[in-house]
Amino acid sequence: MGLLLSSMKPEISDHYLFLETAHQIWDSLAKAYSKIGHTAKAFDLRQQITQFKQGDKPLAIYYSALKKRWEELAHYTAYRPSCSQDAASYQKHVEEIQAFKFLARLNLDYE
């Protein structure tokens, strides 16, 4: 417990001083700081992705910026497939959705 608490800034560790075990501290920290399951951040990223357009950006820059948002969103997604077959199927599904969103927001010159 001491190692965990001493590795934090005092303004953060003060909140965890009264927990009884290192396990409780660790679990509480995971809930507070883990990226998985942060619904508000995932919602914000989904909104950004939905509204993101190519505009005056070159195609490569548009794709790169959109891909960066997708990768960040993946960190906030709580779904983790339990087997390799589910993982492959899920990845294919995600890539299909991403392709549709990418194409839908391209400038009309690419239509």
C-alpha atoms as a PDB file:
ATOM      1  CA  MET A   1       0.000   0.000   0.000  1.00  0.00           C
ATOM      2  CA  GLY A   2       2.817   2.320   0.904  1.00  0.00           C
ATOM      3  CA  LEU A   3       4.450   1.926  -2.492  1.00  0.00           C
ATOM      4  CA  LEU A   4       1.219   2.732  -4.315  1.00  0.00           C
ATOM      5  CA  LEU A   5       0.432   5.743  -2.146  1.00  0.00           C
ATOM      6  CA  SER A   6       3.975   7.134  -2.217  1.00  0.00           C
ATOM      7  CA  SER A   7       4.065   6.934  -6.015  1.00  0.00           C
ATOM      8  CA  MET A   8       1.125   9.378  -6.290  1.00  0.00           C
ATOM      9  CA  LYS A   9       0.939  13.109  -5.855  1.00  0.00           C
ATOM     10  CA  PRO A  10      -0.378  13.938  -2.369  1.00  0.00           C
ATOM     11  CA  GLU A  11      -3.552  15.517  -3.729  1.00  0.00           C
ATOM     12  CA  ILE A  12      -4.348  12.203  -5.423  1.00  0.00           C
ATOM     13  CA  SER A  13      -3.139   9.788  -2.742  1.00  0.00           C
ATOM     14  CA  ASP A  14      -5.161  11.550  -0.011  1.00  0.00           C
ATOM     15  CA  HIS A  15      -8.295  10.066  -1.549  1.00  0.00           C
ATOM     16  CA  TYR A  16      -6.957   6.504  -1.159  1.00  0.00           C
ATOM     17  CA  LEU A  17      -5.477   6.714   2.370  1.00  0.00           C
ATOM     18  CA  PHE A  18      -8.422   5.087   4.083  1.00  0.00           C
ATOM     19  CA  LEU A  19      -8.766   2.046   1.862  1.00  0.00           C
ATOM     20  CA  GLU A  20      -7.789  -1.144   3.663  1.00  0.00           C
ATOM     21  CA  THR A  21      -5.760  -3.096   1.094  1.00  0.00           C
ATOM     22  CA  ALA A  22      -3.479  -2.507  -1.877  1.00  0.00           C
ATOM     23  CA  HIS A  23      -6.034  -4.412  -3.953  1.00  0.00           C
ATOM     24  CA  GLN A  24      -8.762  -1.903  -3.039  1.00  0.00           C
ATOM     25  CA  ILE A  25      -6.440   0.987  -3.923  1.00  0.00           C
ATOM     26  CA  TRP A  26      -5.533  -0.632  -7.245  1.00  0.00           C
ATOM     27  CA  ASP A  27      -9.171  -1.332  -8.155  1.00  0.00           C
ATOM     28  CA  SER A  28     -10.206   2.198  -7.264  1.00  0.00           C
ATOM     29  CA  LEU A  29      -7.373   3.654  -9.349  1.00  0.00           C
ATOM     30  CA  ALA A  30      -8.316   1.429 -12.266  1.00  0.00           C
ATOM     31  CA  LYS A  31     -11.909   2.681 -12.140  1.00  0.00           C
ATOM     32  CA  ALA A  32     -10.775   6.298 -11.949  1.00  0.00           C
ATOM     33  CA  TYR A  33      -8.002   6.269 -14.542  1.00  0.00           C
ATOM     34  CA  SER A  34      -8.575   3.323 -16.875  1.00  0.00           C
ATOM     35  CA  LYS A  35      -9.486   4.281 -20.410  1.00  0.00           C
ATOM     36  CA  ILE A  36     -11.745   1.262 -20.850  1.00  0.00           C
ATOM     37  CA  GLY A  37     -15.376   2.059 -20.308  1.00  0.00           C
ATOM     38  CA  HIS A  38     -15.119   5.851 -20.180  1.00  0.00           C
ATOM     39  CA  THR A  39     -18.473   6.415 -21.804  1.00  0.00           C
ATOM     40  CA  ALA A  40     -18.239  10.205 -21.918  1.00  0.00           C
ATOM     41  CA  LYS A  41     -14.902  10.165 -23.759  1.00  0.00           C
ATOM     42  CA  ALA A  42     -16.104   7.438 -26.126  1.00  0.00           C
ATOM     43  CA  PHE A  43     -19.236   9.480 -26.831  1.00  0.00           C
ATOM     44  CA  ASP A  44     -17.137  12.580 -27.553  1.00  0.00           C
ATOM     45  CA  LEU A  45     -14.891  10.664 -29.954  1.00  0.00           C
ATOM     46  CA  ARG A  46     -17.889   9.130 -31.734  1.00  0.00           C
ATOM     47  CA  GLN A  47     -19.344  12.630 -32.165  1.00  0.00           C
ATOM     48  CA  GLN A  48     -16.031  13.894 -33.560  1.00  0.00           C
ATOM     49  CA  ILE A  49     -15.857  10.981 -35.996  1.00  0.00           C
ATOM     50  CA  THR A  50     -19.460  11.482 -37.116  1.00  0.00           C
ATOM     51  CA  GLN A  51     -18.906  15.194 -37.774  1.00  0.00           C
ATOM     52  CA  PHE A  52     -15.390  14.903 -39.225  1.00  0.00           C
ATOM     53  CA  LYS A  53     -15.180  15.885 -42.912  1.00  0.00           C
ATOM     54  CA  GLN A  54     -12.377  16.079 -45.431  1.00  0.00           C
ATOM     55  CA  GLY A  55     -12.954  19.771 -46.074  1.00  0.00           C
ATOM     56  CA  ASP A  56      -9.773  21.413 -47.383  1.00  0.00           C
ATOM     57  CA  LYS A  57      -7.488  18.660 -46.068  1.00  0.00           C
ATOM     58  CA  PRO A  58      -5.587  16.481 -48.547  1.00  0.00           C
ATOM     59  CA  LEU A  59      -6.896  12.911 -48.711  1.00  0.00           C
ATOM     60  CA  ALA A  60      -3.921  11.433 -46.795  1.00  0.00           C
ATOM     61  CA  ILE A  61      -4.235  13.976 -43.977  1.00  0.00           C
ATOM     62  CA  TYR A  62      -8.000  13.426 -43.737  1.00  0.00           C
ATOM     63  CA  TYR A  63      -7.547   9.650 -43.521  1.00  0.00           C
ATOM     64  CA  SER A  64      -4.712   9.914 -41.009  1.00  0.00           C
ATOM     65  CA  ALA A  65      -6.674  12.228 -38.698  1.00  0.00           C
ATOM     66  CA  LEU A  66      -9.751  10.004 -38.883  1.00  0.00           C
ATOM     67  CA  LYS A  67      -7.683   6.867 -38.251  1.00  0.00           C
ATOM     68  CA  LYS A  68      -6.138   8.514 -35.180  1.00  0.00           C
ATOM     69  CA  ARG A  69      -9.635   9.097 -33.744  1.00  0.00           C
ATOM     70  CA  TRP A  70     -10.661   5.490 -34.492  1.00  0.00           C
ATOM     71  CA  GLU A  71      -7.562   4.154 -32.737  1.00  0.00           C
ATOM     72  CA  GLU A  72      -8.207   6.359 -29.712  1.00  0.00           C
ATOM     73  CA  LEU A  73     -11.827   5.203 -29.624  1.00  0.00           C
ATOM     74  CA  ALA A  74     -10.642   1.579 -29.609  1.00  0.00           C
ATOM     75  CA  HIS A  75      -8.862   2.298 -26.301  1.00  0.00           C
ATOM     76  CA  TYR A  76     -12.118   3.436 -24.744  1.00  0.00           C
ATOM     77  CA  THR A  77     -14.156   0.513 -26.038  1.00  0.00           C
ATOM     78  CA  ALA A  78     -14.899  -2.064 -23.365  1.00  0.00           C
ATOM     79  CA  TYR A  79     -15.707  -4.931 -25.764  1.00  0.00           C
ATOM     80  CA  ARG A  80     -12.967  -7.537 -25.854  1.00  0.00           C
ATOM     81  CA  PRO A  81     -13.705 -10.659 -27.950  1.00  0.00           C
ATOM     82  CA  SER A  82     -13.226 -13.914 -26.067  1.00  0.00           C
ATOM     83  CA  CYS A  83     -11.860 -15.989 -28.954  1.00  0.00           C
ATOM     84  CA  SER A  84      -9.870 -15.411 -32.126  1.00  0.00           C
ATOM     85  CA  GLN A  85     -12.864 -16.133 -34.365  1.00  0.00           C
ATOM     86  CA  ASP A  86     -14.945 -13.482 -32.577  1.00  0.00           C
ATOM     87  CA  ALA A  87     -12.009 -11.072 -32.728  1.00  0.00           C
ATOM     88  CA  ALA A  88     -11.619 -11.517 -36.489  1.00  0.00           C
ATOM     89  CA  SER A  89     -15.341 -11.129 -37.090  1.00  0.00           C
ATOM     90  CA  TYR A  90     -15.534  -8.046 -34.884  1.00  0.00           C
ATOM     91  CA  GLN A  91     -12.485  -6.472 -36.574  1.00  0.00           C
ATOM     92  CA  LYS A  92     -14.021  -7.019 -40.015  1.00  0.00           C
ATOM     93  CA  HIS A  93     -17.255  -5.402 -38.836  1.00  0.00           C
ATOM     94  CA  VAL A  94     -15.407  -2.381 -37.402  1.00  0.00           C
ATOM     95  CA  GLU A  95     -13.342  -1.928 -40.584  1.00  0.00           C
ATOM     96  CA  GLU A  96     -16.502  -2.024 -42.725  1.00  0.00           C
ATOM     97  CA  ILE A  97     -18.140   0.689 -40.617  1.00  0.00           C
ATOM     98  CA  GLN A  98     -14.967   2.771 -40.738  1.00  0.00           C
ATOM     99  CA  ALA A  99     -14.783   2.468 -44.529  1.00  0.00           C
ATOM    100  CA  PHE A 100     -18.393   3.664 -44.877  1.00  0.00           C
ATOM    101  CA  LYS A 101     -17.764   6.630 -42.587  1.00  0.00           C
ATOM    102  CA  PHE A 102     -14.540   7.515 -44.399  1.00  0.00           C
ATOM    103  CA  LEU A 103     -16.234   7.450 -47.796  1.00  0.00           C
ATOM    104  CA  ALA A 104     -19.323   9.311 -46.605  1.00  0.00           C
ATOM    105  CA  ARG A 105     -17.292  12.359 -45.524  1.00  0.00           C
ATOM    106  CA  LEU A 106     -15.034  12.662 -48.562  1.00  0.00           C
ATOM    107  CA  ASN A 107     -15.309  15.759 -50.705  1.00  0.00           C
ATOM    108  CA  LEU A 108     -17.605  15.454 -53.721  1.00  0.00           C
ATOM    109  CA  ASP A 109     -14.584  15.391 -56.120  1.00  0.00           C
ATOM    110  CA  TYR A 110     -14.058  11.753 -55.057  1.00  0.00           C
ATOM    111  CA  GLU A 111     -17.673  10.754 -55.664  1.00  0.00           C
END
